[in-house]
Protein backbone atom coordinates (compact mmCIF):
# COMPACT_ATOMS: atom_id res chain seq x y z
CA MET A 1 -13.71 -3.30 11.14
CA SER A 2 -13.19 -0.31 8.88
CA ARG A 3 -9.96 -0.31 6.87
CA LYS A 4 -8.22 1.48 4.02
CA VAL A 5 -8.93 -0.07 0.61
CA ILE A 6 -6.63 0.55 -2.34
CA VAL A 7 -8.52 1.35 -5.56
CA THR A 8 -6.65 0.66 -8.80
CA CYS A 9 -7.81 1.99 -12.16
CA ALA A 10 -6.59 -0.10 -15.13
CA LEU A 11 -6.77 2.45 -17.91
CA THR A 12 -6.62 0.80 -21.32
CA GLY A 13 -5.10 -2.71 -21.49
CA ALA A 14 -4.03 -4.24 -24.78
CA GLY A 15 -7.26 -5.90 -25.87
CA ASP A 16 -9.22 -5.17 -29.04
CA THR A 17 -11.49 -2.60 -27.37
CA VAL A 18 -10.63 0.65 -29.13
CA GLY A 19 -13.41 0.25 -31.69
CA LYS A 20 -15.93 -0.73 -29.03
CA SER A 21 -15.86 2.48 -26.97
CA GLU A 22 -14.83 6.02 -27.76
CA HIS A 23 -13.63 6.35 -24.17
CA VAL A 24 -10.74 3.86 -24.47
CA PRO A 25 -7.52 5.93 -24.47
CA VAL A 26 -4.95 5.21 -27.19
CA THR A 27 -2.23 7.85 -27.40
CA PRO A 28 0.20 8.50 -24.55
CA GLU A 29 -1.47 11.87 -24.02
CA GLN A 30 -4.92 10.26 -23.78
CA ILE A 31 -3.72 7.52 -21.44
CA ALA A 32 -2.01 10.07 -19.19
CA ALA A 33 -5.13 12.26 -19.17
CA ASN A 34 -7.20 9.25 -18.11
CA ALA A 35 -4.69 8.47 -15.35
CA ILE A 36 -4.93 12.03 -14.05
CA GLU A 37 -8.75 12.00 -14.20
CA ALA A 38 -8.90 8.66 -12.36
CA ALA A 39 -6.52 9.94 -9.69
CA ARG A 40 -8.60 13.09 -9.25
CA ALA A 41 -11.64 10.82 -8.88
CA GLY A 42 -9.85 9.07 -6.02
CA ALA A 43 -7.87 6.18 -7.51
CA SER A 44 -4.92 5.17 -5.32
CA VAL A 45 -3.09 3.39 -8.17
CA VAL A 46 -3.17 3.70 -11.97
CA HIS A 47 -2.27 0.62 -13.99
CA ILE A 48 -0.74 1.49 -17.33
CA HIS A 49 -0.53 -0.26 -20.68
CA VAL A 50 0.33 1.68 -23.82
CA ARG A 51 -0.89 1.38 -27.39
CA ASP A 52 0.44 2.20 -30.84
CA PRO A 53 -1.18 5.58 -31.60
CA LYS A 54 -1.57 4.66 -35.28
CA THR A 55 -3.14 1.22 -34.94
CA GLY A 56 -4.59 1.24 -31.43
CA GLN A 57 -2.97 -2.13 -30.75
CA GLY A 58 -1.03 -2.89 -27.58
CA SER A 59 2.62 -1.84 -27.65
CA ARG A 60 5.90 -2.45 -25.81
CA GLU A 61 7.45 0.83 -26.94
CA ASP A 62 9.45 2.30 -24.05
CA ALA A 63 9.00 5.88 -25.27
CA TYR A 64 5.21 5.65 -24.97
CA TYR A 65 5.48 4.54 -21.33
CA GLU A 66 7.97 7.29 -20.61
CA GLU A 67 5.66 9.92 -22.08
CA VAL A 68 2.65 8.75 -20.06
CA VAL A 69 4.60 8.72 -16.81
CA ARG A 70 6.18 12.12 -17.54
CA ILE A 71 2.80 13.77 -18.09
CA VAL A 72 1.31 12.26 -14.94
CA ALA A 73 4.38 13.27 -12.91
CA GLU A 74 4.00 16.88 -14.07
CA SER A 75 0.32 17.01 -13.11
CA ASP A 76 -1.35 17.99 -9.85
CA VAL A 77 -1.87 14.34 -8.76
CA ASP A 78 0.55 11.71 -7.49
CA PRO A 79 -1.01 8.23 -7.87
CA VAL A 80 1.03 5.09 -7.44
CA ILE A 81 2.24 4.12 -10.93
CA ASN A 82 1.84 0.45 -11.86
CA LEU A 83 3.29 -0.46 -15.26
CA THR A 84 2.37 -3.67 -16.99
CA ALA A 85 5.30 -5.96 -17.76
CA GLY A 86 3.14 -8.62 -19.36
CA MET A 87 3.54 -7.60 -22.98
CA GLY A 88 5.81 -9.86 -25.01
CA GLY A 89 4.34 -13.20 -23.96
CA ASP A 90 1.92 -13.85 -26.83
CA LEU A 91 2.37 -16.99 -28.92
CA PHE A 92 0.08 -17.96 -31.79
CA ILE A 93 0.72 -21.45 -33.15
CA ASP A 94 -0.45 -23.38 -36.19
CA PRO A 95 -2.44 -26.36 -34.83
CA ALA A 96 -1.26 -28.48 -37.76
CA ASN A 97 2.36 -27.49 -37.21
CA PRO A 98 2.81 -26.36 -33.58
CA THR A 99 6.43 -25.32 -34.11
CA GLN A 100 5.26 -22.68 -36.59
CA HIS A 101 4.56 -19.27 -35.06
CA LEU A 102 1.69 -17.38 -36.68
CA GLU A 103 1.00 -13.69 -37.22
CA GLY A 104 0.31 -11.92 -33.94
CA THR A 105 3.10 -13.66 -32.05
CA ASP A 106 5.03 -11.28 -29.81
CA LEU A 107 7.26 -13.48 -27.71
CA VAL A 108 10.39 -12.15 -26.02
CA SER A 109 12.39 -13.07 -22.93
CA GLY A 110 11.18 -12.26 -19.46
CA LEU A 111 13.93 -9.67 -19.01
CA GLU A 112 13.13 -7.97 -22.32
CA ARG A 113 9.57 -7.52 -21.08
CA LEU A 114 11.05 -5.31 -18.35
CA SER A 115 12.79 -2.87 -20.71
CA HIS A 116 10.54 0.09 -19.81
CA VAL A 117 10.61 -0.84 -16.12
CA GLU A 118 14.41 -0.68 -16.23
CA LYS A 119 14.23 2.88 -17.57
CA ILE A 120 11.34 4.30 -15.54
CA ARG A 121 11.66 2.44 -12.20
CA PRO A 122 7.96 2.73 -11.26
CA GLU A 123 6.75 1.84 -7.80
CA LEU A 124 4.88 -1.23 -9.09
CA CYS A 125 5.03 -3.47 -12.14
CA THR A 126 3.22 -6.67 -12.99
CA LEU A 127 4.65 -10.17 -13.06
CA ASP A 128 2.43 -12.73 -14.78
CA CYS A 129 2.70 -15.92 -12.76
CA GLY A 130 2.08 -18.62 -15.33
CA SER A 131 1.29 -19.65 -18.88
CA LEU A 132 -2.29 -19.73 -20.12
CA ASN A 133 -4.52 -20.84 -22.98
CA PHE A 134 -5.63 -17.35 -23.93
CA GLY A 135 -9.17 -17.50 -25.26
CA GLU A 136 -10.34 -19.52 -28.25
CA GLY A 137 -8.16 -20.62 -31.13
CA SER A 138 -4.43 -21.21 -30.74
CA GLN A 139 -3.14 -18.27 -28.72
CA LEU A 140 -1.01 -18.95 -25.66
CA TYR A 141 0.42 -16.61 -23.06
CA ILE A 142 3.89 -17.80 -22.07
CA SER A 143 5.47 -17.22 -18.66
CA THR A 144 7.61 -20.12 -17.46
CA PRO A 145 8.98 -20.76 -13.97
CA ASP A 146 12.48 -19.80 -15.13
CA MET A 147 11.15 -16.54 -16.60
CA MET A 148 9.25 -15.75 -13.42
CA ARG A 149 12.15 -16.37 -11.08
CA GLU A 150 14.49 -14.33 -13.27
CA GLY A 151 11.92 -11.54 -13.57
CA ALA A 152 11.24 -11.43 -9.83
CA ALA A 153 14.94 -11.19 -9.07
CA ARG A 154 15.49 -8.36 -11.57
CA ILE A 155 12.41 -6.44 -10.42
CA ARG A 156 13.73 -6.56 -6.86
CA GLU A 157 17.16 -5.30 -8.01
CA LEU A 158 15.43 -2.33 -9.63
CA GLY A 159 13.71 -1.40 -6.36
CA VAL A 160 10.26 -2.05 -7.86
CA LYS A 161 7.53 -4.12 -6.24
CA PRO A 162 5.95 -6.83 -8.39
CA GLU A 163 2.20 -7.20 -8.54
CA LEU A 164 1.76 -10.96 -8.99
CA GLU A 165 -0.83 -11.55 -11.71
CA ILE A 166 -2.72 -14.73 -10.83
CA PHE A 167 -4.93 -16.19 -13.56
CA ASP A 168 -5.55 -19.60 -12.01
CA THR A 169 -4.79 -21.67 -8.92
CA GLY A 170 -1.58 -23.08 -10.40
CA ASN A 171 -0.31 -19.53 -10.86
CA LEU A 172 -1.05 -18.90 -7.21
CA TRP A 173 0.75 -22.07 -6.18
CA PHE A 174 3.91 -20.96 -8.01
CA ALA A 175 3.71 -17.40 -6.66
CA ASN A 176 3.63 -18.91 -3.18
CA VAL A 177 6.73 -20.95 -4.07
CA MET A 178 8.54 -17.71 -4.98
CA VAL A 179 7.53 -16.27 -1.60
CA GLU A 180 8.90 -19.38 0.12
CA GLU A 181 12.13 -19.06 -1.86
CA GLY A 182 12.59 -15.49 -0.65
CA LEU A 183 12.30 -13.90 -4.10
CA LEU A 184 9.64 -11.41 -3.01
CA ASP A 185 9.88 -8.75 -0.33
CA PRO A 186 7.04 -8.50 2.20
CA PRO A 187 4.24 -7.91 1.89
CA PRO A 188 3.77 -9.81 -1.39
CA LEU A 189 1.06 -8.27 -3.57
CA TYR A 190 -1.27 -10.64 -5.43
CA GLN A 191 -3.74 -9.70 -8.17
CA LEU A 192 -6.43 -12.39 -8.47
CA CYS A 193 -7.75 -12.12 -12.04
CA MET A 194 -11.15 -13.71 -12.66
CA GLY A 195 -13.06 -14.44 -15.85
CA ILE A 196 -10.23 -14.28 -18.40
CA PRO A 197 -10.61 -17.28 -20.75
CA TYR A 198 -9.30 -19.78 -19.90
CA GLY A 199 -8.07 -19.04 -16.43
CA ALA A 200 -10.06 -18.81 -13.22
CA PRO A 201 -13.80 -18.41 -13.84
CA VAL A 202 -15.88 -15.75 -12.10
CA ASN A 203 -16.91 -17.74 -9.06
CA THR A 204 -17.14 -16.45 -5.50
CA GLY A 205 -16.36 -19.86 -4.01
CA LEU A 206 -13.19 -20.06 -6.06
CA LEU A 207 -12.16 -16.55 -5.04
CA LYS A 208 -12.60 -17.50 -1.39
CA ALA A 209 -10.49 -20.63 -1.91
CA MET A 210 -7.74 -18.59 -3.60
CA VAL A 211 -7.73 -16.06 -0.77
CA GLN A 212 -7.34 -18.93 1.68
CA MET A 213 -4.23 -20.02 -0.26
CA LEU A 214 -2.48 -16.67 0.20
CA PRO A 215 0.54 -16.62 2.53
CA GLU A 216 0.29 -14.85 5.84
CA GLY A 217 0.76 -11.11 5.56
CA ALA A 218 0.02 -10.93 1.82
CA GLU A 219 -1.98 -8.09 0.31
CA PHE A 220 -4.33 -8.86 -2.54
CA THR A 221 -6.56 -7.24 -5.10
CA SER A 222 -9.13 -9.07 -7.16
CA PHE A 223 -11.07 -8.10 -10.25
CA ALA A 224 -13.49 -9.72 -12.67
CA ILE A 225 -13.95 -8.71 -16.28
CA GLY A 226 -16.96 -7.42 -18.18
CA ARG A 227 -20.34 -7.14 -16.51
CA HIS A 228 -18.96 -8.68 -13.32
CA GLN A 229 -16.46 -5.89 -12.68
CA LEU A 230 -18.42 -3.65 -10.35
CA ASP A 231 -20.06 -6.56 -8.51
CA TRP A 232 -16.57 -7.91 -7.84
CA VAL A 233 -15.58 -4.78 -5.96
CA GLU A 234 -17.84 -5.91 -3.13
CA GLN A 235 -16.61 -9.52 -3.34
CA SER A 236 -12.95 -8.52 -3.05
CA VAL A 237 -13.50 -6.07 -0.21
CA ALA A 238 -15.64 -8.56 1.71
CA LEU A 239 -12.76 -11.05 1.71
CA GLY A 240 -10.24 -8.47 2.95
CA GLY A 241 -8.82 -7.36 -0.39
CA HIS A 242 -8.38 -4.26 -2.49
CA VAL A 243 -10.13 -3.52 -5.79
CA ARG A 244 -9.48 -2.83 -9.44
CA VAL A 245 -11.76 -1.30 -12.06
CA GLY A 246 -11.15 0.41 -15.41
CA LEU A 247 -11.58 0.20 -19.15
CA GLU A 248 -8.95 -2.51 -19.48
CA ASP A 249 -11.48 -4.98 -18.09
CA ASN A 250 -14.93 -3.48 -18.66
CA LEU A 251 -16.42 -0.80 -20.92
CA TYR A 252 -19.77 -0.21 -19.22
CA LEU A 253 -21.05 1.67 -16.19
CA SER A 254 -24.41 -0.07 -16.46
CA LYS A 255 -26.27 -1.96 -19.18
CA GLY A 256 -25.89 -0.02 -22.42
CA VAL A 257 -24.10 2.90 -20.75
CA LYS A 258 -20.46 3.23 -21.73
CA ALA A 259 -18.12 4.30 -18.95
CA THR A 260 -15.05 6.43 -18.54
CA ASN A 261 -12.21 5.45 -16.27
CA ALA A 262 -13.09 8.25 -13.87
CA GLN A 263 -16.71 7.09 -13.68
CA LEU A 264 -15.70 3.50 -12.93
CA THR A 265 -13.33 4.76 -10.26
CA GLU A 266 -16.06 6.86 -8.67
CA ARG A 267 -18.49 3.93 -8.69
CA ALA A 268 -15.92 1.63 -7.07
CA ILE A 269 -15.25 4.22 -4.36
CA ASP A 270 -18.98 4.53 -3.67
CA ILE A 271 -19.17 0.75 -3.21
CA VAL A 272 -16.16 0.69 -0.89
CA LYS A 273 -17.64 3.44 1.26
CA SER A 274 -21.06 1.76 1.31
CA LEU A 275 -19.37 -1.24 2.92
CA GLY A 276 -18.08 0.92 5.75
CA HIS A 277 -14.50 1.33 4.54
CA SER A 278 -12.48 4.26 3.23
CA VAL A 279 -10.28 4.57 0.17
CA ALA A 280 -6.52 4.74 0.62
CA THR A 281 -4.80 7.85 -0.62
CA PRO A 282 -1.76 7.19 -2.81
CA ASP A 283 0.54 7.77 0.16
CA GLU A 284 -1.53 5.43 2.33
CA ALA A 285 -1.32 2.82 -0.44
CA ARG A 286 2.45 3.24 -0.45
CA GLU A 287 2.53 2.59 3.28
CA ILE A 288 0.26 -0.46 3.04
CA LEU A 289 2.37 -2.00 0.27
CA LYS A 290 5.74 -0.83 1.66
CA LEU A 291 6.71 0.80 -1.62
CA GLU A 292 10.04 2.43 -2.42
CA ARG A 293 9.91 5.85 -4.11
């Protein structure tokens, strides 16, 4: 049966990708321009990280978020705004002395990670649903049950809907616990993130199992990173979900061909339509997710 599929474009992320593609936006003006271009290409939602304009590294600076959102709001498009609230969870430890935090650590409380959300009150923000060994070496991403419960409660008070970032099955288990505890308004929105070392691998059987774990009435999006990104659009739609593409997770349109956010959005929309579905407008996405404006 044909249905409306929400297409999210994740514009820039916080990874070390700036030197790998000239298309990765860095300044607030560039990120906003990419958001507008993706929305014009048909994206229902734009997912926003910000970066330090001088270094290109990920940032938690409220003013950068405010500038991006202001520019988009003054444009001719009106996508659903989804702000990351995952920055501030990075812990680098010395393996020989685990109590010693190393350079690169950016670890703050769960509520401090919501500083820009408090000021902007977007329609969506992320809530990372567990801690994770983040790649090789000794980097950890920290999000404890206490942090998650406190964050979910504050996000609800702000009138914002959390997008539950699920990096592995244990994350999904705990997100379901928060649903059972009444911390999340219906319908809960899950983002099933595949291929991020060392969380859930890119595996269609695992995705199907995770979808089967979702509570009744939940909405979900799934994405896979790198070369799997565009293939995963079909996988997510086939299982009843929405889709996410963008330069946060993948830099290429095809082998050796670097992409823009608008191009990735257009390709995802083509795939959705080829499967017999249509793409939700921003207002239709708001209705599907029961968002407050």
